[in-house]
């Protein structure tokens, strides 16, 4: 797939690109946050070191599983933009997509997205998590994605509101087959090898009973990185279990209208509700009960 122009070359990403690509991604999202929400923070903290390491490890994983889904744009000055995407059982997902700040409007982003979409040409369905940037939303809509508003809740959990949670245990790699089965029921495709990456990043909680099964990946702060379940009761149980271990400000991210059960839990925990971005879907319904991950979807 070649979308190069006389000034800009679109080529496959390689492992040597990862440090520069990670920095470009951090700068791109920092610029978007500053422009859209007037947030700011010191330059050295564009992305915390641990999250930067996760970004590189995750992208190295995509280079191994989907080399034709990962692209960079560059000219004589260096790297201008990046995109990473992957296919899982006929589901194409967009993981990361960024153009260096100040270079939007030159067609760089469009060329990168065309290359990534070409990688998904054999997939029946598509899934991506978009920011609130109107330019990005327009590009995704023109690519055939339905845009579903995303919400998130944030704040400090009211410890007095925590219920007693039972039937939740620590998970392990031995649960991958169970999780893949749940993935297929909720989003139509298993995460497969992506579970091995997530197990290296986050704590895994599992609930597997006669009335339903589910799992949740939780970071060290108590934020849910991804949650999937057979039914809302199981999903609610897992979300409360994650919040029970959060002793600082926490967030419940990527909540769509089909997952109001998560809003109910967050409000019961005295968290505040906000709106930010979209879940883009092509040829599929909103996954539920499901809280997607922004990059691993």
Protein backbone atom coordinates (compact mmCIF):
# COMPACT_ATOMS: atom_id res chain seq x y z
CA UNK A 1 0.00 0.00 0.00
CA UNK A 2 1.66 3.26 -1.09
CA UNK A 3 0.07 6.63 -0.31
CA UNK A 4 3.30 8.60 -0.70
CA UNK A 5 3.40 12.08 -2.25
CA UNK A 6 6.45 13.86 -3.69
CA UNK A 7 7.08 15.50 -0.29
CA UNK A 8 5.87 12.86 2.16
CA UNK A 9 6.65 9.14 2.21
CA UNK A 10 4.21 6.68 3.82
CA UNK A 11 6.08 3.51 4.83
CA UNK A 12 5.67 0.57 7.18
CA UNK A 13 6.71 1.20 10.76
CA UNK A 14 9.71 -0.73 12.08
CA UNK A 15 11.07 -1.39 15.57
CA UNK A 16 13.68 1.36 15.21
CA UNK A 17 10.84 3.89 14.84
CA UNK A 18 9.29 3.14 18.24
CA UNK A 19 10.99 5.77 20.49
CA UNK A 20 10.30 8.61 18.04
CA UNK A 21 6.79 7.31 17.33
CA UNK A 22 5.98 7.18 21.03
CA UNK A 23 7.14 10.77 21.49
CA UNK A 24 5.15 11.94 18.48
CA UNK A 25 2.05 10.21 19.83
CA UNK A 26 2.50 11.85 23.23
CA UNK A 27 2.97 15.27 21.64
CA UNK A 28 -0.08 14.80 19.44
CA UNK A 29 -2.39 13.89 22.31
CA UNK A 30 -0.90 16.63 24.50
CA UNK A 31 -1.62 19.21 21.80
CA UNK A 32 -5.17 17.92 21.40
CA UNK A 33 -5.85 18.03 25.15
CA UNK A 34 -4.48 21.56 25.36
CA UNK A 35 -6.50 22.77 22.36
CA UNK A 36 -9.76 20.98 23.20
CA UNK A 37 -9.77 21.26 26.99
CA UNK A 38 -7.14 23.93 27.79
CA UNK A 39 -5.14 21.45 29.84
CA UNK A 40 -1.42 21.88 30.26
CA UNK A 41 1.48 20.24 32.05
CA UNK A 42 5.28 20.55 31.96
CA UNK A 43 7.02 19.27 28.83
CA UNK A 44 8.85 16.36 30.55
CA UNK A 45 5.48 14.90 31.64
CA UNK A 46 3.85 14.59 28.22
CA UNK A 47 3.32 10.93 29.08
CA UNK A 48 4.48 9.25 32.32
CA UNK A 49 7.44 6.91 31.88
CA UNK A 50 5.47 3.77 32.70
CA UNK A 51 2.76 4.60 30.16
CA UNK A 52 5.42 5.39 27.57
CA UNK A 53 6.97 1.97 28.16
CA UNK A 54 3.53 0.36 27.79
CA UNK A 55 2.97 2.25 24.53
CA UNK A 56 6.24 0.96 23.08
CA UNK A 57 5.61 -2.62 24.26
CA UNK A 58 2.08 -2.59 22.86
CA UNK A 59 3.20 -1.17 19.52
CA UNK A 60 6.06 -3.67 19.28
CA UNK A 61 3.38 -6.35 19.75
CA UNK A 62 1.36 -4.90 16.85
CA UNK A 63 4.48 -4.85 14.67
CA UNK A 64 4.81 -8.58 15.32
CA UNK A 65 1.15 -9.51 14.76
CA UNK A 66 0.13 -6.92 12.14
CA UNK A 67 3.16 -5.38 10.40
CA UNK A 68 0.98 -4.28 7.47
CA UNK A 69 -1.27 -2.32 9.85
CA UNK A 70 1.46 -0.03 11.24
CA UNK A 71 2.67 2.96 9.21
CA UNK A 72 4.64 6.18 9.53
CA UNK A 73 4.70 9.35 7.43
CA UNK A 74 7.99 11.15 7.02
CA UNK A 75 9.82 13.72 4.92
CA UNK A 76 13.35 15.08 4.97
CA UNK A 77 12.73 16.65 8.38
CA UNK A 78 11.77 13.36 10.05
CA UNK A 79 8.64 11.59 11.23
CA UNK A 80 5.38 13.48 10.65
CA UNK A 81 2.68 11.04 11.69
CA UNK A 82 1.91 7.46 12.71
CA UNK A 83 -0.90 4.93 12.66
CA UNK A 84 -1.17 1.43 14.12
CA UNK A 85 -4.03 -1.01 13.49
CA UNK A 86 -4.71 -4.72 13.76
CA UNK A 87 -7.12 -7.47 12.73
CA UNK A 88 -8.61 -9.97 15.18
CA UNK A 89 -11.00 -12.59 13.81
CA UNK A 90 -12.54 -10.37 11.09
CA UNK A 91 -12.56 -7.31 13.39
CA UNK A 92 -10.29 -4.43 12.36
CA UNK A 93 -9.25 -2.05 15.16
CA UNK A 94 -7.46 1.29 15.03
CA UNK A 95 -4.99 1.46 17.93
CA UNK A 96 -3.07 4.75 17.58
CA UNK A 97 -3.33 7.58 15.07
CA UNK A 98 -1.45 10.87 15.39
CA UNK A 99 0.03 13.66 13.29
CA UNK A 100 2.74 15.96 14.60
CA UNK A 101 1.20 19.17 16.02
CA UNK A 102 1.03 22.01 13.51
CA UNK A 103 1.03 19.72 10.46
CA UNK A 104 -2.70 18.96 10.32
CA UNK A 105 -4.49 19.84 7.09
CA UNK A 106 -1.68 18.68 4.78
CA UNK A 107 -3.27 15.32 3.98
CA UNK A 108 -0.81 13.38 6.13
CA UNK A 109 -3.48 11.96 8.43
CA UNK A 110 -5.72 11.00 5.52
CA UNK A 111 -2.92 9.07 3.81
CA UNK A 112 -2.03 7.24 7.00
CA UNK A 113 -5.64 6.24 7.64
CA UNK A 114 -6.03 4.97 4.07
CA UNK A 115 -3.00 2.72 4.59
CA UNK A 116 -4.36 1.39 7.90
CA UNK A 117 -7.84 0.80 6.47
CA UNK A 118 -6.30 -1.13 3.60
CA UNK A 119 -4.94 -3.56 6.20
CA UNK A 120 -8.52 -4.15 7.37
CA UNK A 121 -10.01 -4.65 3.91
CA UNK A 122 -10.73 -8.34 4.65
CA UNK A 123 -12.42 -7.69 8.00
CA UNK A 124 -16.19 -7.59 8.29
CA UNK A 125 -16.33 -5.16 11.21
CA UNK A 126 -14.39 -2.14 12.48
CA UNK A 127 -13.82 -0.50 15.85
CA UNK A 128 -11.94 2.62 16.99
CA UNK A 129 -11.88 5.06 19.89
CA UNK A 130 -11.85 8.70 18.80
CA UNK A 131 -11.09 11.94 20.55
CA UNK A 132 -13.53 14.86 20.40
CA UNK A 133 -11.46 16.51 17.64
CA UNK A 134 -13.98 17.51 14.92
CA UNK A 135 -11.43 16.79 12.18
CA UNK A 136 -10.88 13.24 13.40
CA UNK A 137 -14.62 12.65 13.82
CA UNK A 138 -15.26 13.83 10.27
CA UNK A 139 -12.52 11.58 8.88
CA UNK A 140 -13.89 8.52 10.67
CA UNK A 141 -17.45 9.22 9.63
CA UNK A 142 -16.39 9.59 5.99
CA UNK A 143 -14.64 6.23 6.35
CA UNK A 144 -17.99 4.64 7.18
CA UNK A 145 -17.90 4.52 10.99
CA UNK A 146 -20.94 5.24 13.14
CA UNK A 147 -19.87 7.56 15.96
CA UNK A 148 -21.26 6.80 19.43
CA UNK A 149 -20.55 9.40 22.15
CA UNK A 150 -18.34 8.20 24.98
CA UNK A 151 -18.67 9.20 28.63
CA UNK A 152 -16.38 8.80 31.61
CA UNK A 153 -16.70 9.14 35.36
CA UNK A 154 -13.99 10.44 37.66
CA UNK A 155 -13.42 11.33 41.28
CA UNK A 156 -12.66 9.73 44.62
CA UNK A 157 -14.70 6.66 45.53
CA UNK A 158 -17.01 7.09 48.50
CA UNK A 159 -15.82 4.17 50.63
CA UNK A 160 -19.12 4.05 52.51
CA UNK A 161 -20.91 3.24 49.23
CA UNK A 162 -18.87 0.12 48.49
CA UNK A 163 -20.94 -3.08 48.58
CA UNK A 164 -19.65 -6.48 49.66
CA UNK A 165 -18.34 -8.11 46.48
CA UNK A 166 -18.13 -11.89 46.18
CA UNK A 167 -17.38 -14.36 43.40
CA UNK A 168 -14.47 -12.36 41.99
CA UNK A 169 -10.97 -13.84 41.91
CA UNK A 170 -7.51 -13.03 40.61
CA UNK A 171 -7.06 -14.15 37.02
CA UNK A 172 -4.12 -15.55 35.10
CA UNK A 173 -3.04 -16.77 31.66
CA UNK A 174 -5.11 -19.86 32.34
CA UNK A 175 -8.22 -17.71 31.81
CA UNK A 176 -7.40 -16.67 28.24
CA UNK A 177 -9.73 -19.23 26.63
CA UNK A 178 -12.56 -18.06 28.90
CA UNK A 179 -11.85 -14.42 28.09
CA UNK A 180 -11.70 -15.08 24.35
CA UNK A 181 -15.11 -16.75 24.59
CA UNK A 182 -16.53 -13.70 26.40
CA UNK A 183 -14.89 -11.39 23.83
CA UNK A 184 -16.63 -13.19 20.98
CA UNK A 185 -20.01 -12.82 22.67
CA UNK A 186 -19.58 -9.13 23.49
CA UNK A 187 -17.65 -7.66 20.55
CA UNK A 188 -17.72 -10.48 18.00
CA UNK A 189 -14.00 -11.31 18.10
CA UNK A 190 -11.46 -12.62 20.59
CA UNK A 191 -8.48 -10.53 21.73
CA UNK A 192 -6.29 -13.61 21.30
CA UNK A 193 -2.59 -12.76 21.63
CA UNK A 194 -3.48 -9.30 22.95
CA UNK A 195 -4.40 -10.91 26.28
CA UNK A 196 -0.76 -11.87 26.78
CA UNK A 197 0.20 -8.20 26.45
CA UNK A 198 -2.54 -7.03 28.79
CA UNK A 199 -1.57 -9.60 31.40
CA UNK A 200 1.87 -8.00 31.41
CA UNK A 201 0.41 -4.52 31.97
CA UNK A 202 -2.47 -4.94 34.41
CA UNK A 203 -4.04 -6.95 37.17
CA UNK A 204 -6.74 -9.37 35.99
CA UNK A 205 -10.02 -9.92 37.85
CA UNK A 206 -12.31 -12.78 36.83
CA UNK A 207 -15.84 -13.79 37.79
CA UNK A 208 -16.94 -17.20 36.51
CA UNK A 209 -20.18 -18.58 37.96
CA UNK A 210 -23.15 -20.63 36.83
CA UNK A 211 -25.06 -17.40 36.15
CA UNK A 212 -22.44 -15.61 34.11
CA UNK A 213 -18.77 -14.93 33.41
CA UNK A 214 -16.67 -11.83 32.95
CA UNK A 215 -13.26 -10.27 33.40
CA UNK A 216 -11.66 -6.91 33.99
CA UNK A 217 -8.12 -5.61 33.57
CA UNK A 218 -7.32 -3.04 36.25
CA UNK A 219 -4.32 -0.74 36.53
CA UNK A 220 -2.46 0.01 39.75
CA UNK A 221 -4.68 3.02 40.50
CA UNK A 222 -7.91 1.04 40.19
CA UNK A 223 -8.85 2.29 36.72
CA UNK A 224 -10.51 -0.35 34.55
CA UNK A 225 -8.49 -0.78 31.37
CA UNK A 226 -11.00 -3.20 29.80
CA UNK A 227 -14.07 -5.04 31.04
CA UNK A 228 -16.27 -7.66 29.35
CA UNK A 229 -19.01 -9.88 30.74
CA UNK A 230 -21.95 -12.11 29.83
CA UNK A 231 -24.46 -9.96 31.69
CA UNK A 232 -24.80 -6.67 33.57
CA UNK A 233 -24.88 -8.29 37.00
CA UNK A 234 -21.47 -9.85 36.44
CA UNK A 235 -20.10 -6.66 34.87
CA UNK A 236 -21.35 -4.62 37.83
CA UNK A 237 -19.73 -7.04 40.28
CA UNK A 238 -16.37 -6.72 38.49
CA UNK A 239 -16.51 -2.94 38.34
CA UNK A 240 -17.25 -2.67 42.07
CA UNK A 241 -14.35 -5.05 42.77
CA UNK A 242 -12.02 -2.76 40.82
CA UNK A 243 -13.26 0.39 42.59
CA UNK A 244 -12.87 -1.26 45.98
CA UNK A 245 -9.08 -1.23 45.56
CA UNK A 246 -8.89 2.41 44.40
CA UNK A 247 -7.61 4.59 47.23
CA UNK A 248 -6.94 7.68 45.08
CA UNK A 249 -8.86 9.54 42.38
CA UNK A 250 -10.08 7.02 39.84
CA UNK A 251 -11.84 6.98 36.49
CA UNK A 252 -14.29 4.75 34.61
CA UNK A 253 -13.54 5.39 30.96
CA UNK A 254 -15.05 4.65 27.55
CA UNK A 255 -18.67 4.30 28.65
CA UNK A 256 -21.26 4.27 25.88
CA UNK A 257 -25.03 4.64 26.14
CA UNK A 258 -25.38 0.85 25.88
CA UNK A 259 -23.45 0.52 29.15
CA UNK A 260 -25.50 2.60 31.55
CA UNK A 261 -24.88 -0.04 34.22
CA UNK A 262 -21.36 1.45 34.50
CA UNK A 263 -22.80 4.94 34.95
CA UNK A 264 -25.03 3.62 37.72
CA UNK A 265 -22.02 2.10 39.51
CA UNK A 266 -19.96 5.26 39.09
CA UNK A 267 -22.71 7.51 40.40
CA UNK A 268 -23.34 5.19 43.34
CA UNK A 269 -19.62 5.53 44.12
CA UNK A 270 -20.07 9.34 44.02
CA UNK A 271 -18.02 9.85 40.86
CA UNK A 272 -18.77 12.71 38.44
CA UNK A 273 -19.99 12.08 34.89
CA UNK A 274 -18.37 13.73 31.84
CA UNK A 275 -18.45 13.33 28.06
CA UNK A 276 -15.41 12.94 25.80
CA UNK A 277 -14.91 11.46 22.35
CA UNK A 278 -16.59 8.69 20.39
CA UNK A 279 -16.57 4.96 19.90
CA UNK A 280 -16.50 4.40 16.15
CA UNK A 281 -18.10 1.20 14.88
CA UNK A 282 -18.56 -0.24 11.42
CA UNK A 283 -21.01 -3.08 10.73
CA UNK A 284 -21.48 -3.93 14.40
CA UNK A 285 -23.67 -3.02 17.36
CA UNK A 286 -22.46 -1.34 20.52
CA UNK A 287 -20.66 -3.98 22.65
CA UNK A 288 -22.33 -4.60 26.01
CA UNK A 289 -21.69 -5.28 28.82
CA UNK A 290 -18.33 -3.90 27.74
CA UNK A 291 -15.90 -1.11 28.60
CA UNK A 292 -13.40 -1.01 25.76
CA UNK A 293 -9.75 -0.12 25.89
CA UNK A 294 -8.71 2.93 23.89
CA UNK A 295 -5.93 1.14 22.00
CA UNK A 296 -6.55 -2.59 22.35
CA UNK A 297 -10.32 -2.07 22.04
